[in-house]
Amino acid sequence: MELREYWHIIRSRRLMIGALLLVTLVVSVVLTYGRPPTYETELRILVKPILPDAPDTGYYSREYYRTLFAEYVQDDLSEVIKSLRFAEDVGELIKTRYGAALTTAGIVAAFETRKEHRVVRITVTTPSSRDTKWIGEAAAEVLQTVGWQYVSPEDRPQVEVQVIDPPQEPAAPTLLFRLLTVVLHVSVALAVGVALAFLLDTFDDRVRTADEIERDLGWPVLAAVPHGKPGDPADNRAAANRASDDDAETSE
């Protein structure tokens, strides 16, 4: 398939591709610029198991049990951070320190966690820079001081939670980042539209041009019925051009 045929396929489906680009552009602009910006901060905590003194069994070393226990604690703590109990503790600390009351549901929705070996990365996202900062700082303090209580018995700490990266000043997406987001969405829509145009052309068995007939049948086209109105100047010029081309081929 030549480049001319590629262009013909894209041109024949230009309305579909254009509509897809327009819809994507409108939706992307509305979602990117129509909503208020969100502010985000991150902190990372290290989970260190505290195992009781006991002799090795001879099958597995203490380091193996330490690593295995840390994996289980990470899973539990990642879910605890998104729980109502943890949100209530964070909200109580914020109320005590700043005198402001944040909703428990809003605090729960602000947290996202991700495990990285023995480290848990916590992302705090809210529409307010102030709330993001308060929640991040309160979460770091709660985890640092009483984080072990969420995953240990009341009588003995089984883990030590260390905040290795405290939360930084909340940041919102810049104007350039939003613009690049819109450009990325439109680029993906263009690629999808072009791919869809070629897919539809593959399953379309209709013949649209004389070149397709000559390619499929191997016979030259002697005449074509114009699709415009009788006496259309454009059709007359096209017919005259085809006739002149045929005469030139015959003379050769």
Protein backbone atom coordinates (compact mmCIF):
# COMPACT_ATOMS: atom_id res chain seq x y z
CA MET A 1 0.00 0.00 0.00
CA GLU A 2 1.47 3.34 -1.11
CA LEU A 3 1.48 6.61 0.78
CA ARG A 4 -1.20 7.94 -1.57
CA GLU A 5 -3.51 5.12 -0.54
CA TYR A 6 -2.78 5.80 3.12
CA TRP A 7 -3.73 9.42 2.64
CA HIS A 8 -6.91 8.41 0.78
CA ILE A 9 -7.99 6.20 3.69
CA ILE A 10 -7.37 8.94 6.24
CA ARG A 11 -9.13 11.52 4.08
CA SER A 12 -12.18 9.32 3.55
CA ARG A 13 -12.56 8.97 7.34
CA ARG A 14 -11.65 12.55 8.16
CA LEU A 15 -15.03 13.35 9.69
CA MET A 16 -14.73 10.50 12.18
CA ILE A 17 -11.14 11.41 13.08
CA GLY A 18 -12.02 15.10 13.40
CA ALA A 19 -15.03 14.37 15.62
CA LEU A 20 -12.90 12.17 17.88
CA LEU A 21 -10.23 14.87 18.15
CA LEU A 22 -12.81 17.56 18.91
CA VAL A 23 -14.56 15.52 21.61
CA THR A 24 -11.24 14.58 23.20
CA LEU A 25 -10.04 18.18 23.16
CA VAL A 26 -13.22 19.51 24.78
CA VAL A 27 -13.33 16.80 27.46
CA SER A 28 -9.60 17.15 28.22
CA VAL A 29 -9.79 20.95 28.53
CA VAL A 30 -12.86 20.75 30.78
CA LEU A 31 -11.32 18.10 33.05
CA THR A 32 -7.90 19.76 33.15
CA TYR A 33 -8.83 23.44 33.46
CA GLY A 34 -12.45 23.29 34.59
CA ARG A 35 -11.80 21.65 37.93
CA PRO A 36 -9.92 23.32 40.78
CA PRO A 37 -6.26 22.26 41.07
CA THR A 38 -5.32 19.49 43.46
CA TYR A 39 -2.37 19.77 45.83
CA GLU A 40 -0.15 16.81 46.55
CA THR A 41 2.57 15.89 49.00
CA GLU A 42 4.39 12.65 49.75
CA LEU A 43 6.09 11.01 52.70
CA ARG A 44 7.88 7.70 53.06
CA ILE A 45 8.01 5.47 56.10
CA LEU A 46 10.30 2.56 56.92
CA VAL A 47 8.85 -0.46 58.73
CA LYS A 48 11.41 -2.23 60.96
CA PRO A 49 10.31 -5.49 62.64
CA ILE A 50 11.18 -6.06 66.29
CA LEU A 51 11.48 -9.81 66.82
CA PRO A 52 11.75 -11.39 70.27
CA ASP A 53 15.02 -13.00 71.25
CA ALA A 54 14.85 -16.67 70.31
CA PRO A 55 17.36 -19.21 69.07
CA ASP A 56 17.44 -20.13 65.41
CA THR A 57 15.50 -23.27 64.57
CA GLY A 58 18.10 -24.45 62.12
CA TYR A 59 15.76 -24.23 59.13
CA TYR A 60 15.45 -20.48 58.59
CA SER A 61 17.53 -17.61 59.90
CA ARG A 62 16.18 -14.72 61.92
CA GLU A 63 16.79 -12.42 58.99
CA TYR A 64 14.40 -14.52 56.89
CA TYR A 65 11.66 -14.20 59.49
CA ARG A 66 12.42 -10.50 59.84
CA THR A 67 11.99 -9.93 56.11
CA LEU A 68 8.86 -12.06 55.92
CA PHE A 69 7.31 -10.32 58.92
CA ALA A 70 8.09 -6.91 57.43
CA GLU A 71 6.23 -7.85 54.25
CA TYR A 72 3.10 -8.77 56.21
CA VAL A 73 3.30 -5.62 58.32
CA GLN A 74 3.66 -3.47 55.22
CA ASP A 75 0.49 -4.94 53.77
CA ASP A 76 -1.40 -4.36 57.00
CA LEU A 77 -0.09 -0.84 57.52
CA SER A 78 -0.86 0.18 53.94
CA GLU A 79 -4.50 -0.68 54.56
CA VAL A 80 -4.55 0.84 58.04
CA ILE A 81 -3.46 4.21 56.63
CA LYS A 82 -6.62 4.25 54.49
CA SER A 83 -8.88 3.21 57.39
CA LEU A 84 -11.36 5.25 59.41
CA ARG A 85 -9.43 4.70 62.64
CA PHE A 86 -6.25 6.22 61.28
CA ALA A 87 -8.21 9.10 59.72
CA GLU A 88 -9.87 9.82 63.06
CA ASP A 89 -6.48 9.93 64.80
CA VAL A 90 -5.10 12.27 62.16
CA GLY A 91 -8.20 14.48 62.36
CA GLU A 92 -7.99 14.64 66.15
CA LEU A 93 -4.36 15.75 65.98
CA ILE A 94 -5.20 18.44 63.41
CA LYS A 95 -8.06 19.69 65.59
CA THR A 96 -5.82 19.80 68.65
CA ARG A 97 -2.94 21.55 66.90
CA TYR A 98 -4.70 23.92 64.50
CA GLY A 99 -8.19 24.18 65.95
CA ALA A 100 -9.80 23.15 62.65
CA ALA A 101 -12.01 20.13 62.03
CA LEU A 102 -11.58 18.11 58.84
CA THR A 103 -14.08 15.44 57.85
CA THR A 104 -13.03 11.84 58.38
CA ALA A 105 -14.24 10.90 54.91
CA GLY A 106 -12.11 13.65 53.37
CA ILE A 107 -9.03 12.47 55.23
CA VAL A 108 -9.60 8.84 54.15
CA ALA A 109 -9.99 9.91 50.51
CA ALA A 110 -6.76 11.92 50.66
CA PHE A 111 -4.47 8.90 51.22
CA GLU A 112 -2.90 6.63 48.63
CA THR A 113 -0.19 4.10 49.53
CA ARG A 114 2.38 2.13 47.57
CA LYS A 115 4.92 -0.42 48.78
CA GLU A 116 8.60 -0.15 47.84
CA HIS A 117 10.48 -3.06 49.41
CA ARG A 118 10.36 -2.30 53.15
CA VAL A 119 9.32 1.27 52.55
CA VAL A 120 5.75 2.54 52.19
CA ARG A 121 5.19 5.66 50.09
CA ILE A 122 2.18 7.69 51.20
CA THR A 123 0.63 10.28 48.87
CA VAL A 124 -1.74 12.93 50.24
CA THR A 125 -3.94 14.75 47.72
CA THR A 126 -6.67 17.32 48.42
CA PRO A 127 -8.08 20.42 46.67
CA SER A 128 -6.60 22.63 49.42
CA SER A 129 -2.93 23.36 49.97
CA ARG A 130 -3.58 23.95 53.66
CA ASP A 131 -5.45 20.68 54.18
CA THR A 132 -2.81 18.71 52.27
CA LYS A 133 -0.07 20.15 54.45
CA TRP A 134 -1.95 19.54 57.68
CA ILE A 135 -2.90 15.95 56.81
CA GLY A 136 0.63 15.10 55.68
CA GLU A 137 2.26 16.49 58.82
CA ALA A 138 -0.31 14.91 61.14
CA ALA A 139 -0.01 11.52 59.43
CA ALA A 140 3.78 11.60 59.75
CA GLU A 141 3.56 12.41 63.46
CA VAL A 142 0.92 9.75 64.19
CA LEU A 143 2.91 7.07 62.37
CA GLN A 144 6.17 8.10 64.01
CA THR A 145 4.78 8.08 67.55
CA VAL A 146 2.06 5.42 67.70
CA GLY A 147 2.24 3.76 64.30
CA TRP A 148 3.29 0.46 65.86
CA GLN A 149 0.01 0.23 67.79
CA TYR A 150 -1.99 -0.35 64.60
CA VAL A 151 -0.20 -3.63 63.82
CA SER A 152 1.08 -4.82 67.22
CA PRO A 153 -0.46 -6.18 70.43
CA GLU A 154 -1.08 -3.65 73.17
CA ASP A 155 1.59 -5.02 75.49
CA ARG A 156 4.64 -5.14 73.17
CA PRO A 157 5.69 -3.24 70.04
CA GLN A 158 6.41 -5.62 67.17
CA VAL A 159 7.47 -2.98 64.65
CA GLU A 160 9.16 0.39 64.60
CA VAL A 161 7.84 2.94 62.12
CA GLN A 162 10.30 5.60 60.99
CA VAL A 163 9.46 8.56 58.77
CA ILE A 164 12.48 8.66 56.46
CA ASP A 165 11.07 11.33 54.10
CA PRO A 166 8.79 13.86 55.79
CA PRO A 167 6.06 15.60 53.77
CA GLN A 168 7.17 18.55 51.71
CA GLU A 169 5.33 21.74 50.81
CA PRO A 170 2.25 20.77 48.76
CA ALA A 171 2.49 21.43 45.04
CA ALA A 172 -0.16 21.74 42.34
CA PRO A 173 0.26 20.90 38.63
CA THR A 174 1.77 23.82 36.71
CA LEU A 175 0.15 25.47 33.69
CA LEU A 176 2.72 23.84 31.38
CA PHE A 177 1.96 20.41 32.85
CA ARG A 178 -1.76 20.92 32.23
CA LEU A 179 -1.08 22.00 28.65
CA LEU A 180 1.10 18.95 28.03
CA THR A 181 -1.67 16.78 29.47
CA VAL A 182 -4.15 18.16 26.93
CA VAL A 183 -1.64 17.69 24.09
CA LEU A 184 -1.04 14.11 25.18
CA HIS A 185 -4.77 13.35 25.24
CA VAL A 186 -5.27 14.84 21.76
CA SER A 187 -2.24 12.94 20.39
CA VAL A 188 -3.61 9.66 21.71
CA ALA A 189 -7.01 10.45 20.19
CA LEU A 190 -5.36 11.16 16.83
CA ALA A 191 -3.50 7.85 16.92
CA VAL A 192 -6.68 6.00 17.89
CA GLY A 193 -8.66 7.75 15.15
CA VAL A 194 -6.12 6.90 12.44
CA ALA A 195 -5.90 3.29 13.63
CA LEU A 196 -9.70 3.04 13.65
CA ALA A 197 -9.83 4.47 10.12
CA PHE A 198 -7.47 1.77 8.83
CA LEU A 199 -9.38 -0.90 10.73
CA LEU A 200 -12.70 0.16 9.20
CA ASP A 201 -11.11 0.29 5.75
CA THR A 202 -9.83 -3.27 6.19
CA PHE A 203 -13.36 -4.61 6.74
CA ASP A 204 -14.92 -2.36 4.06
CA ASP A 205 -15.19 -4.31 0.79
CA ARG A 206 -16.63 -1.44 -1.27
CA VAL A 207 -14.71 -0.07 -4.28
CA ARG A 208 -14.30 3.70 -4.31
CA THR A 209 -11.64 4.56 -6.91
CA ALA A 210 -10.53 3.39 -10.30
CA ASP A 211 -7.11 2.59 -8.90
CA GLU A 212 -8.67 0.01 -6.58
CA ILE A 213 -10.38 -1.71 -9.52
CA GLU A 214 -7.19 -1.82 -11.55
CA ARG A 215 -5.25 -3.13 -8.56
CA ASP A 216 -7.77 -5.84 -7.65
CA LEU A 217 -8.78 -6.99 -11.16
CA GLY A 218 -5.65 -6.17 -13.12
CA TRP A 219 -7.72 -4.55 -15.92
CA PRO A 220 -7.58 -0.91 -17.01
CA VAL A 221 -10.64 1.29 -16.42
CA LEU A 222 -12.11 2.44 -19.75
CA ALA A 223 -14.87 4.75 -18.45
CA ALA A 224 -16.47 5.97 -15.24
CA VAL A 225 -19.97 7.22 -14.48
CA PRO A 226 -19.79 10.65 -12.79
CA HIS A 227 -21.56 10.95 -9.47
CA GLY A 228 -22.39 14.67 -9.79
CA LYS A 229 -25.25 16.41 -11.58
CA PRO A 230 -25.41 16.23 -15.40
CA GLY A 231 -23.29 18.90 -16.95
CA ASP A 232 -21.27 19.51 -13.78
CA PRO A 233 -18.13 21.39 -14.87
CA ALA A 234 -15.98 19.50 -12.41
CA ASP A 235 -17.10 16.16 -13.84
CA ASN A 236 -16.60 17.42 -17.39
CA ARG A 237 -13.06 18.48 -16.59
CA ALA A 238 -12.33 15.13 -14.91
CA ALA A 239 -13.70 13.23 -17.90
CA ALA A 240 -11.66 15.38 -20.30
CA ASN A 241 -8.52 14.74 -18.29
CA ARG A 242 -9.11 10.99 -18.29
CA ALA A 243 -9.77 11.03 -22.02
CA SER A 244 -6.57 12.94 -22.70
CA ASP A 245 -4.63 10.51 -20.54
CA ASP A 246 -6.10 7.56 -22.45
CA ASP A 247 -5.25 9.16 -25.80
CA ALA A 248 -1.71 9.77 -24.67
CA GLU A 249 -1.32 6.13 -23.57
CA THR A 250 -2.80 4.93 -26.90
CA SER A 251 -0.42 7.09 -28.94
CA GLU A 252 2.51 5.69 -27.04
